[in-house]
Amino acid sequence: MMRRNVKRVTGLVVAIGMAASGGQAFAIKQFADEFKAVYVQEGTPLAAEVEKAKCNVCHMGKSKKDRNAYGQALSELLDKKEDKDNKEKIRQALETVAAKPSAGAGSPTFGDLIKEGKLPGGPAE
């Protein structure tokens, strides 16, 4: 009986550990939803890229704390706790960031990349 309980607890611990460490970074759902509402049209190349990238539209790697250049630019304008329910502010931030150069002066803007069907923060990792 004791051996069976140890196996159950071990299995549970392994499952929790895998869930906590694996997978992609978790985006703020409201931010992701507004990005999709503003930029993503079903059946477009961008829609396919966003579907594959998921949270990595703004994040990179496995930690939600790691952001790509696009995610960094948005994080300067949005607070994940205070702004998550403010659609107007989220859309304004998306518009503001779309006008910024993606990689310094002379580079395409984030908005230009989006119009080309590319992820604004570069390829998902």
Protein backbone atom coordinates (compact mmCIF):
# COMPACT_ATOMS: atom_id res chain seq x y z
CA MET A 1 0.00 0.00 0.00
CA MET A 2 2.78 2.41 0.94
CA ARG A 3 4.66 1.62 -2.29
CA ARG A 4 1.58 2.49 -4.38
CA ASN A 5 1.20 5.86 -2.63
CA VAL A 6 4.88 6.66 -3.20
CA LYS A 7 4.44 5.93 -6.93
CA ARG A 8 1.37 8.18 -7.09
CA VAL A 9 3.11 11.03 -5.31
CA THR A 10 6.21 10.64 -7.48
CA GLY A 11 4.08 10.67 -10.63
CA LEU A 12 2.25 13.77 -9.46
CA VAL A 13 5.51 15.58 -8.65
CA VAL A 14 6.94 14.70 -12.07
CA ALA A 15 3.79 15.92 -13.84
CA ILE A 16 3.77 19.20 -11.92
CA GLY A 17 7.46 19.74 -12.62
CA MET A 18 7.01 19.14 -16.33
CA ALA A 19 4.06 21.50 -16.49
CA ALA A 20 5.93 24.22 -14.63
CA SER A 21 9.15 24.03 -16.63
CA GLY A 22 8.13 22.89 -20.09
CA GLY A 23 6.35 24.62 -22.92
CA GLN A 24 6.38 28.19 -24.04
CA ALA A 25 6.26 31.39 -22.09
CA PHE A 26 2.84 32.53 -20.93
CA ALA A 27 1.70 35.79 -22.45
CA ILE A 28 -0.92 38.01 -20.89
CA LYS A 29 -4.03 36.68 -22.60
CA GLN A 30 -5.63 40.09 -23.05
CA PHE A 31 -2.47 41.46 -24.72
CA ALA A 32 -2.32 38.48 -27.08
CA ASP A 33 -6.03 38.77 -27.85
CA GLU A 34 -5.73 42.45 -28.77
CA PHE A 35 -2.67 41.79 -30.93
CA LYS A 36 -4.67 39.17 -32.82
CA ALA A 37 -7.74 41.42 -33.09
CA VAL A 38 -5.68 44.28 -34.53
CA TYR A 39 -3.24 42.46 -36.80
CA VAL A 40 -4.19 38.85 -37.47
CA GLN A 41 -6.59 37.84 -40.21
CA GLU A 42 -7.48 34.18 -40.61
CA GLY A 43 -5.71 32.43 -43.47
CA THR A 44 -2.87 34.95 -43.79
CA PRO A 45 0.85 34.17 -43.47
CA LEU A 46 0.92 36.20 -40.25
CA ALA A 47 -1.92 34.11 -38.79
CA ALA A 48 0.10 30.96 -39.42
CA GLU A 49 3.22 32.49 -37.85
CA VAL A 50 1.31 33.70 -34.78
CA GLU A 51 -0.33 30.30 -34.36
CA LYS A 52 3.08 28.61 -34.34
CA ALA A 53 4.76 31.24 -32.17
CA LYS A 54 1.95 31.64 -29.63
CA CYS A 55 3.45 33.54 -26.68
CA ASN A 56 6.73 33.94 -28.51
CA VAL A 57 5.26 36.79 -30.53
CA CYS A 58 6.53 38.91 -27.62
CA HIS A 59 8.56 36.45 -25.57
CA MET A 60 11.59 34.31 -26.29
CA GLY A 61 12.92 31.19 -24.67
CA LYS A 62 11.01 29.39 -21.97
CA SER A 63 10.77 32.07 -19.31
CA LYS A 64 7.92 34.55 -19.45
CA LYS A 65 10.39 37.13 -18.18
CA ASP A 66 12.43 36.94 -21.39
CA ARG A 67 11.07 39.23 -24.09
CA ASN A 68 12.17 39.79 -27.65
CA ALA A 69 12.59 43.36 -28.98
CA TYR A 70 8.86 43.70 -29.70
CA GLY A 71 7.91 42.45 -26.25
CA GLN A 72 10.44 44.82 -24.67
CA ALA A 73 8.97 47.79 -26.51
CA LEU A 74 5.43 46.86 -25.40
CA SER A 75 6.53 46.28 -21.81
CA GLU A 76 7.72 49.88 -21.65
CA LEU A 77 4.15 51.04 -22.29
CA LEU A 78 2.05 48.39 -20.58
CA ASP A 79 1.90 46.99 -17.07
CA LYS A 80 0.70 43.40 -17.03
CA LYS A 81 -1.37 43.86 -13.88
CA GLU A 82 -2.70 47.39 -14.26
CA ASP A 83 -3.36 47.39 -18.01
CA LYS A 84 -4.55 43.87 -18.78
CA ASP A 85 -8.21 44.91 -18.86
CA ASN A 86 -7.69 48.26 -20.60
CA LYS A 87 -8.28 47.43 -24.29
CA GLU A 88 -7.88 51.06 -25.34
CA LYS A 89 -4.46 51.36 -23.71
CA ILE A 90 -3.36 48.01 -25.12
CA ARG A 91 -4.38 49.06 -28.65
CA GLN A 92 -2.68 52.43 -28.24
CA ALA A 93 0.52 50.67 -27.15
CA LEU A 94 0.32 48.32 -30.14
CA GLU A 95 -0.05 51.32 -32.46
CA THR A 96 2.81 53.21 -30.82
CA VAL A 97 5.17 50.23 -30.95
CA ALA A 98 4.22 49.45 -34.56
CA ALA A 99 5.79 52.78 -35.56
CA LYS A 100 9.12 52.00 -33.84
CA PRO A 101 12.13 50.58 -35.70
CA SER A 102 12.52 46.87 -35.05
CA ALA A 103 16.30 46.88 -34.73
CA GLY A 104 17.51 50.45 -34.51
CA ALA A 105 17.56 53.39 -36.88
CA GLY A 106 17.01 52.52 -40.52
CA SER A 107 15.49 49.11 -39.84
CA PRO A 108 11.91 48.25 -40.77
CA THR A 109 9.37 49.18 -38.14
CA PHE A 110 7.56 46.51 -36.17
CA GLY A 111 4.47 47.48 -38.15
CA ASP A 112 6.31 46.98 -41.45
CA LEU A 113 7.26 43.45 -40.39
CA ILE A 114 3.67 42.71 -39.40
CA LYS A 115 2.40 43.98 -42.78
CA GLU A 116 4.90 41.64 -44.47
CA GLY A 117 3.37 38.71 -42.56
CA LYS A 118 6.38 38.34 -40.27
CA LEU A 119 6.53 38.16 -36.50
CA PRO A 120 7.48 41.62 -35.19
CA GLY A 121 10.01 40.27 -32.70
CA GLY A 122 11.70 37.98 -35.19
CA PRO A 123 11.40 34.21 -35.61
CA ALA A 124 10.06 32.34 -32.59
CA GLU A 125 12.62 30.37 -30.66
